[in-house]
Amino acid sequence: MNVKEIAEQLNLKVVSGASGLSNMISGGYTSDLMSDVIANAENGNIWITLQTHKNVMAIASLKDLAAVIVVNNQQPEDDMISQSNEEGIPVLVTNEATFTISGKVFNLINNH
C-alpha cells in the first residue's frame, strides 16, 4: 500500500511532500517522543504523531519513513512543511485522535 492510497481511504489531507505519495508503507509507528521513534520506527513506516515542528522531518528522513500523519487537526509549522517538500516525505493531517487513526492505519495495512 502506498501513501496516496492510505490518504484517500482515510480521508487524510495532504499538506506537503506530495512528491512522495507513491512511497510504499511497510508498517506504522505511533509516538510523540522523538527518541522513541529514532529507536523503534522502521524504514517505510508511516509515523503517527501530534508533533508539528521541523525535527519531525529530520527524524522521518533519518529513519526513511514513508510519511507522517499529524493528528487532532494540528497544523504543521512552516519549517516542517518546507522540509517535507524538500525530502519528499508527505505530511498528512487528520482531525481524528491518535488512538482512532492508529487503529484505522493498522487495519488498512494488515488487511491490504
N, C-alpha and C. Protein backbone atom coordinates (compact mmCIF):
# COMPACT_ATOMS: atom_id res chain seq x y z
N MET A 1 0.85 -1.17 0.00
CA MET A 1 0.00 0.00 0.00
C MET A 1 0.89 1.24 0.00
N ASN A 2 0.53 2.22 -0.80
CA ASN A 2 1.33 3.44 -0.81
C ASN A 2 0.63 4.57 -0.05
N VAL A 3 1.33 5.67 0.10
CA VAL A 3 0.82 6.79 0.90
C VAL A 3 -0.45 7.37 0.29
N LYS A 4 -0.48 7.49 -1.02
CA LYS A 4 -1.66 8.05 -1.68
C LYS A 4 -2.90 7.22 -1.39
N GLU A 5 -2.76 5.90 -1.46
CA GLU A 5 -3.90 5.01 -1.20
C GLU A 5 -4.42 5.17 0.23
N ILE A 6 -3.51 5.22 1.18
CA ILE A 6 -3.94 5.34 2.58
C ILE A 6 -4.56 6.70 2.84
N ALA A 7 -4.01 7.75 2.21
CA ALA A 7 -4.57 9.10 2.37
C ALA A 7 -5.99 9.15 1.83
N GLU A 8 -6.20 8.55 0.68
CA GLU A 8 -7.54 8.55 0.07
C GLU A 8 -8.52 7.74 0.90
N GLN A 9 -8.11 6.56 1.33
CA GLN A 9 -9.03 5.68 2.06
C GLN A 9 -9.39 6.21 3.44
N LEU A 10 -8.48 6.98 4.06
CA LEU A 10 -8.74 7.50 5.40
C LEU A 10 -9.09 8.99 5.39
N ASN A 11 -9.25 9.55 4.19
CA ASN A 11 -9.63 10.95 4.05
C ASN A 11 -8.65 11.88 4.77
N LEU A 12 -7.35 11.63 4.55
CA LEU A 12 -6.30 12.45 5.15
C LEU A 12 -5.95 13.60 4.22
N LYS A 13 -5.75 14.77 4.76
CA LYS A 13 -5.37 15.94 3.96
C LYS A 13 -3.87 15.93 3.73
N VAL A 14 -3.46 16.00 2.47
CA VAL A 14 -2.05 16.07 2.12
C VAL A 14 -1.63 17.54 2.23
N VAL A 15 -0.77 17.83 3.21
CA VAL A 15 -0.32 19.20 3.45
C VAL A 15 0.93 19.51 2.65
N SER A 16 1.83 18.55 2.56
CA SER A 16 3.11 18.78 1.90
C SER A 16 3.74 17.45 1.52
N GLY A 17 4.84 17.54 0.79
CA GLY A 17 5.58 16.34 0.41
C GLY A 17 4.87 15.47 -0.61
N ALA A 18 4.04 16.08 -1.45
CA ALA A 18 3.23 15.32 -2.41
C ALA A 18 4.07 14.48 -3.37
N SER A 19 5.32 14.85 -3.57
CA SER A 19 6.17 14.06 -4.47
C SER A 19 6.44 12.66 -3.92
N GLY A 20 6.14 12.44 -2.63
CA GLY A 20 6.35 11.14 -2.02
C GLY A 20 5.09 10.31 -1.85
N LEU A 21 4.01 10.70 -2.51
CA LEU A 21 2.75 9.97 -2.34
C LEU A 21 2.83 8.52 -2.84
N SER A 22 3.80 8.22 -3.67
CA SER A 22 3.95 6.83 -4.14
C SER A 22 4.82 6.00 -3.19
N ASN A 23 5.34 6.61 -2.12
CA ASN A 23 6.14 5.86 -1.14
C ASN A 23 5.34 4.68 -0.62
N MET A 24 5.98 3.53 -0.58
CA MET A 24 5.33 2.32 -0.08
C MET A 24 5.40 2.28 1.45
N ILE A 25 4.33 1.84 2.07
CA ILE A 25 4.22 1.76 3.53
C ILE A 25 4.43 0.32 3.96
N SER A 26 5.42 0.11 4.84
CA SER A 26 5.73 -1.24 5.32
C SER A 26 5.08 -1.53 6.67
N GLY A 27 4.63 -0.50 7.36
CA GLY A 27 4.04 -0.65 8.68
C GLY A 27 3.81 0.73 9.26
N GLY A 28 3.56 0.79 10.54
CA GLY A 28 3.30 2.07 11.17
C GLY A 28 3.95 2.16 12.54
N TYR A 29 4.10 3.41 12.99
CA TYR A 29 4.63 3.64 14.33
C TYR A 29 3.93 4.87 14.90
N THR A 30 3.46 4.76 16.14
CA THR A 30 2.76 5.85 16.80
C THR A 30 3.52 6.25 18.04
N SER A 31 3.96 7.51 18.07
CA SER A 31 4.66 8.04 19.24
C SER A 31 4.84 9.53 19.08
N ASP A 32 4.91 10.22 20.21
CA ASP A 32 5.21 11.65 20.22
C ASP A 32 6.59 11.92 20.80
N LEU A 33 7.28 10.88 21.20
CA LEU A 33 8.60 11.01 21.79
C LEU A 33 9.66 10.75 20.72
N MET A 34 10.42 11.77 20.38
CA MET A 34 11.37 11.68 19.28
C MET A 34 12.37 10.53 19.46
N SER A 35 12.93 10.40 20.64
CA SER A 35 13.92 9.35 20.87
C SER A 35 13.31 7.96 20.71
N ASP A 36 12.05 7.82 21.03
CA ASP A 36 11.35 6.55 20.85
C ASP A 36 11.23 6.20 19.37
N VAL A 37 10.90 7.19 18.57
CA VAL A 37 10.78 6.96 17.13
C VAL A 37 12.14 6.61 16.53
N ILE A 38 13.17 7.33 16.94
CA ILE A 38 14.52 7.02 16.45
C ILE A 38 14.90 5.59 16.80
N ALA A 39 14.58 5.16 18.01
CA ALA A 39 14.97 3.82 18.46
C ALA A 39 14.13 2.70 17.86
N ASN A 40 12.86 2.97 17.54
CA ASN A 40 11.96 1.87 17.23
C ASN A 40 11.23 1.89 15.89
N ALA A 41 11.09 3.04 15.26
CA ALA A 41 10.42 3.07 13.95
C ALA A 41 11.32 2.40 12.92
N GLU A 42 10.70 1.82 11.91
CA GLU A 42 11.46 1.11 10.88
C GLU A 42 11.28 1.78 9.53
N ASN A 43 12.26 1.59 8.66
CA ASN A 43 12.18 2.15 7.31
C ASN A 43 10.84 1.81 6.68
N GLY A 44 10.22 2.78 6.03
CA GLY A 44 8.96 2.55 5.34
C GLY A 44 7.73 2.68 6.22
N ASN A 45 7.92 2.90 7.51
CA ASN A 45 6.77 3.08 8.40
C ASN A 45 6.09 4.41 8.12
N ILE A 46 4.81 4.49 8.46
CA ILE A 46 4.09 5.74 8.50
C ILE A 46 4.02 6.13 9.97
N TRP A 47 4.45 7.33 10.29
CA TRP A 47 4.56 7.79 11.69
C TRP A 47 3.35 8.62 12.04
N ILE A 48 2.69 8.27 13.13
CA ILE A 48 1.52 8.99 13.62
C ILE A 48 1.92 9.75 14.87
N THR A 49 1.69 11.09 14.86
CA THR A 49 2.15 11.95 15.95
C THR A 49 1.31 13.22 16.04
N LEU A 50 1.45 13.92 17.14
CA LEU A 50 0.85 15.25 17.26
C LEU A 50 1.91 16.34 17.15
N GLN A 51 3.16 15.95 16.95
CA GLN A 51 4.26 16.91 16.81
C GLN A 51 4.15 17.61 15.44
N THR A 52 4.48 18.90 15.42
CA THR A 52 4.29 19.69 14.20
C THR A 52 5.51 20.54 13.83
N HIS A 53 6.69 20.21 14.33
CA HIS A 53 7.86 21.05 14.09
C HIS A 53 8.87 20.35 13.18
N LYS A 54 9.87 21.11 12.77
CA LYS A 54 10.87 20.68 11.79
C LYS A 54 11.60 19.39 12.19
N ASN A 55 11.81 19.18 13.48
CA ASN A 55 12.53 17.99 13.92
C ASN A 55 11.82 16.69 13.53
N VAL A 56 10.52 16.76 13.35
CA VAL A 56 9.77 15.59 12.89
C VAL A 56 10.31 15.14 11.54
N MET A 57 10.55 16.08 10.66
CA MET A 57 11.03 15.74 9.33
C MET A 57 12.47 15.25 9.35
N ALA A 58 13.26 15.78 10.27
CA ALA A 58 14.65 15.30 10.40
C ALA A 58 14.65 13.82 10.77
N ILE A 59 13.78 13.45 11.69
CA ILE A 59 13.69 12.05 12.11
C ILE A 59 13.08 11.19 11.01
N ALA A 60 12.05 11.70 10.35
CA ALA A 60 11.42 10.95 9.26
C ALA A 60 12.44 10.65 8.16
N SER A 61 13.31 11.61 7.88
CA SER A 61 14.35 11.42 6.87
C SER A 61 15.41 10.43 7.36
N LEU A 62 15.85 10.61 8.58
CA LEU A 62 16.85 9.73 9.19
C LEU A 62 16.39 8.27 9.15
N LYS A 63 15.14 8.04 9.46
CA LYS A 63 14.60 6.68 9.53
C LYS A 63 14.00 6.20 8.21
N ASP A 64 14.05 7.05 7.18
CA ASP A 64 13.50 6.74 5.86
C ASP A 64 12.03 6.31 5.97
N LEU A 65 11.24 7.13 6.64
CA LEU A 65 9.82 6.84 6.82
C LEU A 65 9.04 7.20 5.57
N ALA A 66 7.92 6.52 5.37
CA ALA A 66 7.10 6.74 4.18
C ALA A 66 6.32 8.04 4.24
N ALA A 67 5.83 8.40 5.44
CA ALA A 67 5.01 9.60 5.61
C ALA A 67 4.81 9.85 7.09
N VAL A 68 4.23 11.01 7.38
CA VAL A 68 3.88 11.39 8.74
C VAL A 68 2.42 11.80 8.76
N ILE A 69 1.67 11.27 9.73
CA ILE A 69 0.29 11.70 9.94
C ILE A 69 0.26 12.52 11.22
N VAL A 70 -0.24 13.75 11.11
CA VAL A 70 -0.40 14.64 12.25
C VAL A 70 -1.87 14.57 12.67
N VAL A 71 -2.09 14.30 13.94
CA VAL A 71 -3.44 14.05 14.46
C VAL A 71 -4.09 15.30 15.07
N ASN A 72 -5.34 15.14 15.48
CA ASN A 72 -6.11 16.17 16.20
C ASN A 72 -6.19 17.50 15.45
N ASN A 73 -6.15 17.43 14.12
CA ASN A 73 -6.23 18.61 13.27
C ASN A 73 -5.17 19.66 13.58
N GLN A 74 -4.04 19.19 14.12
CA GLN A 74 -2.91 20.09 14.35
C GLN A 74 -2.33 20.47 12.99
N GLN A 75 -1.84 21.69 12.86
CA GLN A 75 -1.28 22.15 11.59
C GLN A 75 0.24 22.22 11.67
N PRO A 76 0.93 21.59 10.73
CA PRO A 76 2.39 21.61 10.72
C PRO A 76 2.92 23.03 10.60
N GLU A 77 4.03 23.29 11.27
CA GLU A 77 4.68 24.59 11.18
C GLU A 77 5.30 24.74 9.78
N ASP A 78 5.53 25.99 9.39
CA ASP A 78 6.06 26.27 8.05
C ASP A 78 7.37 25.55 7.76
N ASP A 79 8.27 25.50 8.76
CA ASP A 79 9.55 24.84 8.52
C ASP A 79 9.40 23.32 8.36
N MET A 80 8.39 22.74 8.99
CA MET A 80 8.10 21.31 8.79
C MET A 80 7.60 21.08 7.37
N ILE A 81 6.74 21.96 6.90
CA ILE A 81 6.20 21.85 5.55
C ILE A 81 7.32 21.98 4.52
N SER A 82 8.19 22.96 4.70
CA SER A 82 9.31 23.16 3.77
C SER A 82 10.21 21.93 3.72
N GLN A 83 10.55 21.40 4.88
CA GLN A 83 11.42 20.22 4.95
C GLN A 83 10.73 19.01 4.32
N SER A 84 9.44 18.87 4.53
CA SER A 84 8.67 17.77 3.94
C SER A 84 8.74 17.83 2.42
N ASN A 85 8.57 19.02 1.87
CA ASN A 85 8.65 19.19 0.42
C ASN A 85 10.04 18.88 -0.11
N GLU A 86 11.07 19.30 0.62
CA GLU A 86 12.45 19.04 0.20
C GLU A 86 12.76 17.55 0.23
N GLU A 87 12.30 16.86 1.28
CA GLU A 87 12.61 15.44 1.48
C GLU A 87 11.72 14.51 0.67
N GLY A 88 10.55 15.01 0.22
CA GLY A 88 9.60 14.15 -0.47
C GLY A 88 8.94 13.15 0.47
N ILE A 89 8.79 13.57 1.72
CA ILE A 89 8.10 12.75 2.71
C ILE A 89 6.78 13.44 3.04
N PRO A 90 5.64 12.85 2.63
CA PRO A 90 4.37 13.50 2.82
C PRO A 90 4.00 13.72 4.29
N VAL A 91 3.40 14.88 4.54
CA VAL A 91 2.78 15.17 5.83
C VAL A 91 1.28 15.21 5.58
N LEU A 92 0.58 14.36 6.30
CA LEU A 92 -0.87 14.24 6.19
C LEU A 92 -1.49 14.68 7.49
N VAL A 93 -2.67 15.29 7.42
CA VAL A 93 -3.35 15.77 8.63
C VAL A 93 -4.72 15.13 8.73
N THR A 94 -5.10 14.78 9.96
CA THR A 94 -6.43 14.25 10.25
C THR A 94 -6.99 14.94 11.48
N ASN A 95 -8.30 15.01 11.55
CA ASN A 95 -8.93 15.55 12.76
C ASN A 95 -9.16 14.45 13.80
N GLU A 96 -8.82 13.24 13.46
CA GLU A 96 -9.02 12.10 14.36
C GLU A 96 -7.97 12.09 15.48
N ALA A 97 -8.34 11.43 16.57
CA ALA A 97 -7.42 11.25 17.69
C ALA A 97 -6.37 10.19 17.35
N THR A 98 -5.27 10.20 18.05
CA THR A 98 -4.17 9.28 17.81
C THR A 98 -4.63 7.82 17.86
N PHE A 99 -5.38 7.47 18.88
CA PHE A 99 -5.84 6.09 19.05
C PHE A 99 -6.68 5.65 17.86
N THR A 100 -7.60 6.49 17.44
CA THR A 100 -8.52 6.16 16.35
C THR A 100 -7.79 5.98 15.03
N ILE A 101 -6.95 6.93 14.66
CA ILE A 101 -6.27 6.84 13.36
C ILE A 101 -5.24 5.71 13.36
N SER A 102 -4.62 5.45 14.51
CA SER A 102 -3.68 4.33 14.59
C SER A 102 -4.38 3.02 14.29
N GLY A 103 -5.56 2.83 14.85
CA GLY A 103 -6.33 1.62 14.60
C GLY A 103 -6.72 1.48 13.13
N LYS A 104 -7.13 2.59 12.53
CA LYS A 104 -7.53 2.56 11.12
C LYS A 104 -6.33 2.26 10.21
N VAL A 105 -5.19 2.87 10.49
CA VAL A 105 -4.00 2.61 9.71
C VAL A 105 -3.58 1.14 9.86
N PHE A 106 -3.59 0.65 11.08
CA PHE A 106 -3.24 -0.75 11.34
C PHE A 106 -4.12 -1.68 10.52
N ASN A 107 -5.43 -1.46 10.56
CA ASN A 107 -6.36 -2.33 9.84
C ASN A 107 -6.13 -2.27 8.33
N LEU A 108 -5.91 -1.08 7.80
CA LEU A 108 -5.68 -0.96 6.36
C LEU A 108 -4.41 -1.68 5.93
N ILE A 109 -3.34 -1.47 6.66
CA ILE A 109 -2.06 -2.08 6.29
C ILE A 109 -2.12 -3.60 6.41
N ASN A 110 -2.73 -4.09 7.47
CA ASN A 110 -2.76 -5.54 7.70
C ASN A 110 -3.81 -6.28 6.88
N ASN A 111 -4.76 -5.55 6.31
CA ASN A 111 -5.78 -6.19 5.50
C ASN A 111 -5.59 -5.93 4.01
N HIS A 112 -4.46 -5.32 3.69
CA HIS A 112 -4.19 -4.98 2.28
C HIS A 112 -3.47 -6.11 1.59
